[in-house]
Amino acid sequence: MSEKDTISSALTRLVVYVIVAVIILGILNWIFHYFIPETVARYPPLRSLAMISDFAPYIFIIVSLAIGWMIISSIASLLYAMSEPKYGASTAAAIRSLVKILGLGGLFASVAGGVAGGATGVALGGFIGLVVGFATQQVLGQAVAGLFILLARPFKIGDNVDIAGESDVIIKDIGTMFTVVERKDSNTVLIPSTMIIGQKIVIRRKSQ
């Protein structure tokens, strides 16, 4: 996806993907639940065609994951296009990355639950959601903390600050996962975003 997407182009792509998803899933449902059973019932020699139905769950999973990822990416691009003019490219990119991470976890959980079906599907979807959430909790924590920093803007690039145990350092870059600072000895330090949130920040001198 291009970072230069406009709101209209991102929204158009999202609508197109949703329509494509409805059409493709509808066609697959008709093929596996109506066309193949009726064809086999009318023409017994084509009984071997019913074997294709055995692969229906796998085909639905692959198609759902592919289309779901395209929809998630288009939503992320739309949010990027909406937030970039107000908050800047760095913050917009952080929002886009966070939406993709959360969307991917939700996609896996929902697809797994949908395939299993019923109470089993709900339990399986919830379990996978917990597994994905547990596996990515540190990354998500870093991303959310970095997003708060980018939105709140307690400091900016070029400021001289005391931050997260580092004294008299210069802010070189502010990212989703890390804030990059430079010490007086010219060493570069990457400070995790979670270490900054909730701690005291001293602004020694603001950049011009």
Protein backbone atom coordinates (compact mmCIF):
# COMPACT_ATOMS: atom_id res chain seq x y z
CA MET A 1 0.00 0.00 0.00
CA SER A 2 1.32 3.44 -0.83
CA GLU A 3 1.78 5.89 2.03
CA LYS A 4 0.46 8.56 -0.32
CA ASP A 5 -3.02 7.04 -0.49
CA THR A 6 -5.78 9.62 -0.30
CA ILE A 7 -8.85 9.10 1.84
CA SER A 8 -11.03 8.61 -1.24
CA SER A 9 -8.75 6.00 -2.84
CA ALA A 10 -8.35 4.07 0.42
CA LEU A 11 -12.11 4.15 1.05
CA THR A 12 -12.83 3.06 -2.51
CA ARG A 13 -10.43 0.13 -2.16
CA LEU A 14 -12.07 -0.88 1.12
CA VAL A 15 -15.54 -0.89 -0.44
CA VAL A 16 -14.29 -2.88 -3.44
CA TYR A 17 -12.63 -5.49 -1.18
CA VAL A 18 -15.79 -5.90 0.89
CA ILE A 19 -17.90 -6.38 -2.26
CA VAL A 20 -15.36 -8.85 -3.68
CA ALA A 21 -15.36 -10.76 -0.38
CA VAL A 22 -19.16 -11.07 -0.38
CA ILE A 23 -19.22 -12.21 -4.02
CA ILE A 24 -16.39 -14.75 -3.75
CA LEU A 25 -17.61 -16.28 -0.49
CA GLY A 26 -21.14 -16.40 -1.88
CA ILE A 27 -19.95 -18.22 -5.02
CA LEU A 28 -17.89 -20.71 -2.98
CA ASN A 29 -20.84 -21.37 -0.68
CA TRP A 30 -23.09 -22.02 -3.69
CA ILE A 31 -20.54 -24.35 -5.31
CA PHE A 32 -19.90 -26.50 -2.24
CA HIS A 33 -23.39 -26.56 -0.73
CA TYR A 34 -25.66 -26.53 -3.80
CA PHE A 35 -23.95 -27.07 -7.13
CA ILE A 36 -21.78 -30.08 -6.25
CA PRO A 37 -24.45 -31.97 -4.22
CA GLU A 38 -27.13 -31.42 -6.90
CA THR A 39 -24.76 -32.38 -9.72
CA VAL A 40 -23.74 -35.59 -7.96
CA ALA A 41 -27.39 -36.43 -7.22
CA ARG A 42 -28.40 -35.96 -10.88
CA TYR A 43 -25.34 -37.58 -12.44
CA PRO A 44 -24.09 -40.51 -10.30
CA PRO A 45 -21.04 -41.12 -12.54
CA LEU A 46 -19.74 -37.77 -11.29
CA ARG A 47 -19.76 -39.02 -7.70
CA SER A 48 -16.02 -38.45 -7.46
CA LEU A 49 -16.77 -34.72 -7.75
CA ALA A 50 -18.05 -34.87 -4.17
CA MET A 51 -14.46 -35.40 -3.00
CA ILE A 52 -13.81 -31.73 -3.75
CA SER A 53 -16.20 -30.84 -0.94
CA ASP A 54 -13.78 -32.42 1.51
CA PHE A 55 -11.40 -29.53 0.80
CA ALA A 56 -14.07 -26.86 1.26
CA PRO A 57 -12.96 -25.83 4.81
CA TYR A 58 -9.37 -25.33 3.66
CA ILE A 59 -10.42 -23.31 0.63
CA PHE A 60 -12.67 -21.12 2.78
CA ILE A 61 -9.81 -20.57 5.25
CA ILE A 62 -7.33 -19.56 2.53
CA VAL A 63 -9.79 -17.25 0.78
CA SER A 64 -10.99 -15.70 4.05
CA LEU A 65 -7.44 -15.02 5.22
CA ALA A 66 -6.41 -13.50 1.88
CA ILE A 67 -9.45 -11.27 1.52
CA GLY A 68 -9.50 -10.45 5.22
CA TRP A 69 -5.90 -9.27 5.08
CA MET A 70 -6.68 -7.04 2.09
CA ILE A 71 -9.61 -5.51 3.99
CA ILE A 72 -7.48 -4.95 7.10
CA SER A 73 -4.74 -3.34 5.00
CA SER A 74 -7.23 -1.04 3.31
CA ILE A 75 -8.68 0.00 6.69
CA ALA A 76 -5.16 0.70 7.93
CA SER A 77 -4.41 2.75 4.82
CA LEU A 78 -7.64 4.70 5.29
CA LEU A 79 -6.73 5.53 8.89
CA TYR A 80 -3.24 6.52 7.74
CA ALA A 81 -4.68 8.90 5.14
CA MET A 82 -7.05 10.40 7.72
CA SER A 83 -4.47 10.90 10.48
CA GLU A 84 -1.37 11.87 8.45
CA PRO A 85 -2.39 15.51 7.76
CA LYS A 86 -3.11 16.17 11.46
CA TYR A 87 -0.50 14.11 13.29
CA GLY A 88 2.27 13.63 10.74
CA ALA A 89 3.67 10.62 8.92
CA SER A 90 5.29 8.96 11.96
CA THR A 91 2.10 8.93 14.04
CA ALA A 92 -0.03 7.87 11.07
CA ALA A 93 2.37 5.00 10.32
CA ALA A 94 2.18 3.91 13.97
CA ILE A 95 -1.63 3.86 13.82
CA ARG A 96 -1.52 1.87 10.58
CA SER A 97 0.88 -0.71 12.04
CA LEU A 98 -1.21 -1.10 15.20
CA VAL A 99 -4.40 -1.62 13.20
CA LYS A 100 -2.68 -4.29 11.09
CA ILE A 101 -1.39 -6.16 14.14
CA LEU A 102 -4.74 -6.10 15.93
CA GLY A 103 -6.62 -6.88 12.74
CA LEU A 104 -4.44 -9.87 11.93
CA GLY A 105 -4.99 -11.34 15.39
CA GLY A 106 -8.72 -10.81 15.14
CA LEU A 107 -8.75 -12.31 11.64
CA PHE A 108 -7.09 -15.54 12.76
CA ALA A 109 -9.44 -15.85 15.73
CA SER A 110 -12.60 -15.18 13.71
CA VAL A 111 -11.63 -17.54 10.86
CA ALA A 112 -10.79 -20.34 13.28
CA GLY A 113 -14.05 -19.82 15.16
CA GLY A 114 -16.06 -19.68 11.96
CA VAL A 115 -14.57 -22.92 10.62
CA ALA A 116 -15.21 -24.81 13.87
CA GLY A 117 -18.73 -23.42 14.21
CA GLY A 118 -21.12 -23.30 17.16
CA ALA A 119 -19.95 -23.28 20.78
CA THR A 120 -16.74 -25.02 19.72
CA GLY A 121 -16.04 -22.22 17.27
CA VAL A 122 -16.59 -19.56 19.91
CA ALA A 123 -14.27 -21.37 22.32
CA LEU A 124 -11.62 -21.98 19.66
CA GLY A 125 -11.78 -18.40 18.39
CA GLY A 126 -11.47 -17.09 21.93
CA PHE A 127 -8.55 -19.42 22.66
CA ILE A 128 -6.67 -18.39 19.52
CA GLY A 129 -7.37 -14.75 20.32
CA LEU A 130 -5.83 -15.25 23.77
CA VAL A 131 -2.81 -17.03 22.28
CA VAL A 132 -2.24 -14.29 19.71
CA GLY A 133 -2.75 -11.60 22.34
CA PHE A 134 -0.33 -13.27 24.76
CA ALA A 135 2.28 -13.82 22.06
CA THR A 136 2.13 -10.21 20.90
CA GLN A 137 1.47 -8.45 24.21
CA GLN A 138 4.97 -7.02 24.45
CA VAL A 139 4.94 -5.80 20.86
CA LEU A 140 1.44 -4.36 21.26
CA GLY A 141 2.42 -2.72 24.55
CA GLN A 142 5.38 -1.08 22.85
CA ALA A 143 3.26 0.00 19.89
CA VAL A 144 0.47 1.47 22.05
CA ALA A 145 2.96 3.30 24.26
CA GLY A 146 4.74 4.66 21.18
CA LEU A 147 1.42 5.77 19.72
CA PHE A 148 0.58 7.69 22.89
CA ILE A 149 3.97 9.40 22.77
CA LEU A 150 3.48 10.38 19.14
CA LEU A 151 0.00 11.74 19.85
CA ALA A 152 0.81 13.53 23.11
CA ARG A 153 4.13 14.89 21.79
CA PRO A 154 5.76 15.56 25.19
CA PHE A 155 9.01 16.24 23.34
CA LYS A 156 10.15 16.54 19.75
CA ILE A 157 13.22 15.80 17.67
CA GLY A 158 16.13 18.02 18.67
CA ASP A 159 15.00 18.60 22.27
CA ASN A 160 17.55 18.19 25.06
CA VAL A 161 15.95 16.03 27.76
CA ASP A 162 16.32 13.73 30.75
CA ILE A 163 14.31 10.61 29.97
CA ALA A 164 14.03 6.99 31.19
CA GLY A 165 17.25 7.17 33.17
CA GLU A 166 19.19 8.95 30.42
CA SER A 167 20.38 12.42 31.36
CA ASP A 168 21.16 15.34 29.06
CA VAL A 169 20.46 13.54 25.79
CA ILE A 170 19.24 14.81 22.43
CA ILE A 171 16.10 13.34 20.81
CA LYS A 172 17.06 12.03 17.37
CA ASP A 173 13.97 10.10 16.35
CA ILE A 174 10.57 9.17 17.78
CA GLY A 175 9.17 5.86 16.56
CA THR A 176 6.45 3.44 17.50
CA MET A 177 8.71 0.98 19.29
CA PHE A 178 11.66 3.14 20.35
CA THR A 179 12.72 6.72 20.90
CA VAL A 180 16.27 7.26 19.67
CA VAL A 181 18.49 9.60 21.69
CA GLU A 182 22.13 10.64 21.49
CA ARG A 183 24.35 10.98 24.54
CA LYS A 184 27.08 13.55 25.00
CA ASP A 185 29.67 10.83 24.25
CA SER A 186 27.99 10.46 20.80
CA ASN A 187 26.62 7.00 21.62
CA THR A 188 23.11 6.32 20.34
CA VAL A 189 20.53 4.82 22.73
CA LEU A 190 17.21 3.23 21.74
CA ILE A 191 14.72 3.66 24.58
CA PRO A 192 11.65 1.36 24.51
CA SER A 193 8.41 3.32 24.45
CA THR A 194 7.06 1.49 27.51
CA MET A 195 9.97 2.84 29.58
CA ILE A 196 8.97 6.42 28.76
CA ILE A 197 5.25 6.19 29.58
CA GLY A 198 4.59 6.93 33.24
CA GLN A 199 8.06 8.29 33.99
CA LYS A 200 9.21 11.83 34.58
CA ILE A 201 10.52 13.71 31.55
CA VAL A 202 12.69 16.79 32.01
CA ILE A 203 12.92 19.16 29.06
CA ARG A 204 16.29 20.89 29.44
CA ARG A 205 16.12 22.81 26.20
CA LYS A 206 13.64 22.77 23.34
CA SER A 207 14.83 22.72 19.75
CA GLN A 208 14.27 25.84 17.70
